Amino acid sequence: MKIRVKCFAWAKEVTGEDEIDLEVPEGATVADLRDSLAERFPVFSGRMESIAVSVNQEFAGEGTPVDAGDELALIPPISGGCA
């Protein structure tokens, strides 16, 4: 099944896109999405624990199911501010 994922911050820099399409198995979960992402973009494999995933605008755990019509997003940690 093909899913579309929105990319923010350095995830966007790595993929070079605002949104990417990934292939995941039917009945996929967030864990499957992470596996597919790391396979396509190996740089993610070492940083996956720091990336939050949202499904339909809610933070999602590894076992959360994903469907083709869901709104999915990768949200890396963001730092900054002023002194």
C-alpha atoms as a PDB file:
ATOM      1  CA  MET A   1       0.000   0.000   0.000  1.00  0.00           C
ATOM      2  CA  LYS A   2       1.274   3.467  -0.831  1.00  0.00           C
ATOM      3  CA  ILE A   3       1.158   6.161   1.845  1.00  0.00           C
ATOM      4  CA  ARG A   4       2.038   9.848   1.699  1.00  0.00           C
ATOM      5  CA  VAL A   5       4.118  11.342   4.506  1.00  0.00           C
ATOM      6  CA  LYS A   6       4.724  15.030   5.261  1.00  0.00           C
ATOM      7  CA  CYS A   7       8.309  15.935   6.198  1.00  0.00           C
ATOM      8  CA  PHE A   8       9.331  18.790   8.471  1.00  0.00           C
ATOM      9  CA  ALA A   9      12.662  20.329   9.586  1.00  0.00           C
ATOM     10  CA  TRP A  10      15.709  18.104   8.905  1.00  0.00           C
ATOM     11  CA  ALA A  11      13.452  15.268   7.661  1.00  0.00           C
ATOM     12  CA  LYS A  12      12.586  17.588   4.779  1.00  0.00           C
ATOM     13  CA  GLU A  13      16.287  18.277   4.209  1.00  0.00           C
ATOM     14  CA  VAL A  14      17.097  14.550   4.092  1.00  0.00           C
ATOM     15  CA  THR A  15      14.278  13.659   1.694  1.00  0.00           C
ATOM     16  CA  GLY A  16      14.498  16.852  -0.344  1.00  0.00           C
ATOM     17  CA  GLU A  17      10.692  17.002  -0.367  1.00  0.00           C
ATOM     18  CA  ASP A  18       7.786  18.425   1.632  1.00  0.00           C
ATOM     19  CA  GLU A  19       5.971  15.121   1.130  1.00  0.00           C
ATOM     20  CA  ILE A  20       7.122  11.649   0.115  1.00  0.00           C
ATOM     21  CA  ASP A  21       5.333   8.481  -0.929  1.00  0.00           C
ATOM     22  CA  LEU A  22       6.335   5.239   0.786  1.00  0.00           C
ATOM     23  CA  GLU A  23       5.332   1.662   0.139  1.00  0.00           C
ATOM     24  CA  VAL A  24       4.254  -0.262   3.262  1.00  0.00           C
ATOM     25  CA  PRO A  25       2.457  -3.600   3.675  1.00  0.00           C
ATOM     26  CA  GLU A  26      -1.328  -3.767   4.069  1.00  0.00           C
ATOM     27  CA  GLY A  27      -2.193  -3.481   7.767  1.00  0.00           C
ATOM     28  CA  ALA A  28       0.981  -1.467   8.386  1.00  0.00           C
ATOM     29  CA  THR A  29       1.824   0.280  11.625  1.00  0.00           C
ATOM     30  CA  VAL A  30       4.014   3.254  12.496  1.00  0.00           C
ATOM     31  CA  ALA A  31       6.837   0.741  13.078  1.00  0.00           C
ATOM     32  CA  ASP A  32       6.456  -0.445   9.457  1.00  0.00           C
ATOM     33  CA  LEU A  33       6.510   3.156   8.270  1.00  0.00           C
ATOM     34  CA  ARG A  34       9.782   3.698  10.155  1.00  0.00           C
ATOM     35  CA  ASP A  35      11.270   0.544   8.594  1.00  0.00           C
ATOM     36  CA  SER A  36      10.296   1.651   5.083  1.00  0.00           C
ATOM     37  CA  LEU A  37      11.652   5.119   5.722  1.00  0.00           C
ATOM     38  CA  ALA A  38      15.015   3.794   6.960  1.00  0.00           C
ATOM     39  CA  GLU A  39      15.265   1.468   3.962  1.00  0.00           C
ATOM     40  CA  ARG A  40      14.676   4.277   1.471  1.00  0.00           C
ATOM     41  CA  PHE A  41      16.703   6.916   3.352  1.00  0.00           C
ATOM     42  CA  PRO A  42      19.416   5.099   5.390  1.00  0.00           C
ATOM     43  CA  VAL A  43      20.391   8.287   7.244  1.00  0.00           C
ATOM     44  CA  PHE A  44      17.115   7.973   9.178  1.00  0.00           C
ATOM     45  CA  SER A  45      18.002   4.562  10.634  1.00  0.00           C
ATOM     46  CA  GLY A  46      20.327   6.040  13.254  1.00  0.00           C
ATOM     47  CA  ARG A  47      17.976   8.871  14.165  1.00  0.00           C
ATOM     48  CA  MET A  48      14.568   7.195  14.232  1.00  0.00           C
ATOM     49  CA  GLU A  49      14.192   7.325  18.008  1.00  0.00           C
ATOM     50  CA  SER A  50      14.234  11.128  17.880  1.00  0.00           C
ATOM     51  CA  ILE A  51      11.548  11.465  15.182  1.00  0.00           C
ATOM     52  CA  ALA A  52       7.935  11.741  16.289  1.00  0.00           C
ATOM     53  CA  VAL A  53       5.295  10.419  13.914  1.00  0.00           C
ATOM     54  CA  SER A  54       1.779  11.800  13.760  1.00  0.00           C
ATOM     55  CA  VAL A  55      -1.206  10.018  12.291  1.00  0.00           C
ATOM     56  CA  ASN A  56      -4.174  12.261  11.536  1.00  0.00           C
ATOM     57  CA  GLN A  57      -2.620  15.102  13.555  1.00  0.00           C
ATOM     58  CA  GLU A  58      -2.081  13.038  16.724  1.00  0.00           C
ATOM     59  CA  PHE A  59       1.250  11.706  17.956  1.00  0.00           C
ATOM     60  CA  ALA A  60       1.344   7.963  17.347  1.00  0.00           C
ATOM     61  CA  GLY A  61       3.086   5.004  18.965  1.00  0.00           C
ATOM     62  CA  GLU A  62       4.850   2.166  17.151  1.00  0.00           C
ATOM     63  CA  GLY A  63       1.733  -0.033  17.068  1.00  0.00           C
ATOM     64  CA  THR A  64      -0.595   2.615  15.661  1.00  0.00           C
ATOM     65  CA  PRO A  65      -2.095   1.408  12.369  1.00  0.00           C
ATOM     66  CA  VAL A  66      -1.662   3.503   9.229  1.00  0.00           C
ATOM     67  CA  ASP A  67      -3.937   3.533   6.195  1.00  0.00           C
ATOM     68  CA  ALA A  68      -3.493   4.978   2.719  1.00  0.00           C
ATOM     69  CA  GLY A  69      -5.848   7.902   3.403  1.00  0.00           C
ATOM     70  CA  ASP A  70      -4.291   8.939   6.724  1.00  0.00           C
ATOM     71  CA  GLU A  71      -2.437  12.207   7.182  1.00  0.00           C
ATOM     72  CA  LEU A  72       1.047  11.152   8.265  1.00  0.00           C
ATOM     73  CA  ALA A  73       3.899  13.422   9.325  1.00  0.00           C
ATOM     74  CA  LEU A  74       7.522  13.099  10.473  1.00  0.00           C
ATOM     75  CA  ILE A  75       8.329  15.595  13.199  1.00  0.00           C
ATOM     76  CA  PRO A  76      12.010  15.759  14.182  1.00  0.00           C
ATOM     77  CA  PRO A  77      13.019  17.536  17.389  1.00  0.00           C
ATOM     78  CA  ILE A  78      13.443  21.266  16.971  1.00  0.00           C
ATOM     79  CA  SER A  79      15.816  23.383  19.016  1.00  0.00           C
ATOM     80  CA  GLY A  80      16.563  27.022  19.156  1.00  0.00           C
ATOM     81  CA  GLY A  81      15.429  30.136  20.863  1.00  0.00           C
ATOM     82  CA  CYS A  82      17.170  33.230  22.075  1.00  0.00           C
ATOM     83  CA  ALA A  83      19.549  33.808  24.930  1.00  0.00           C
END
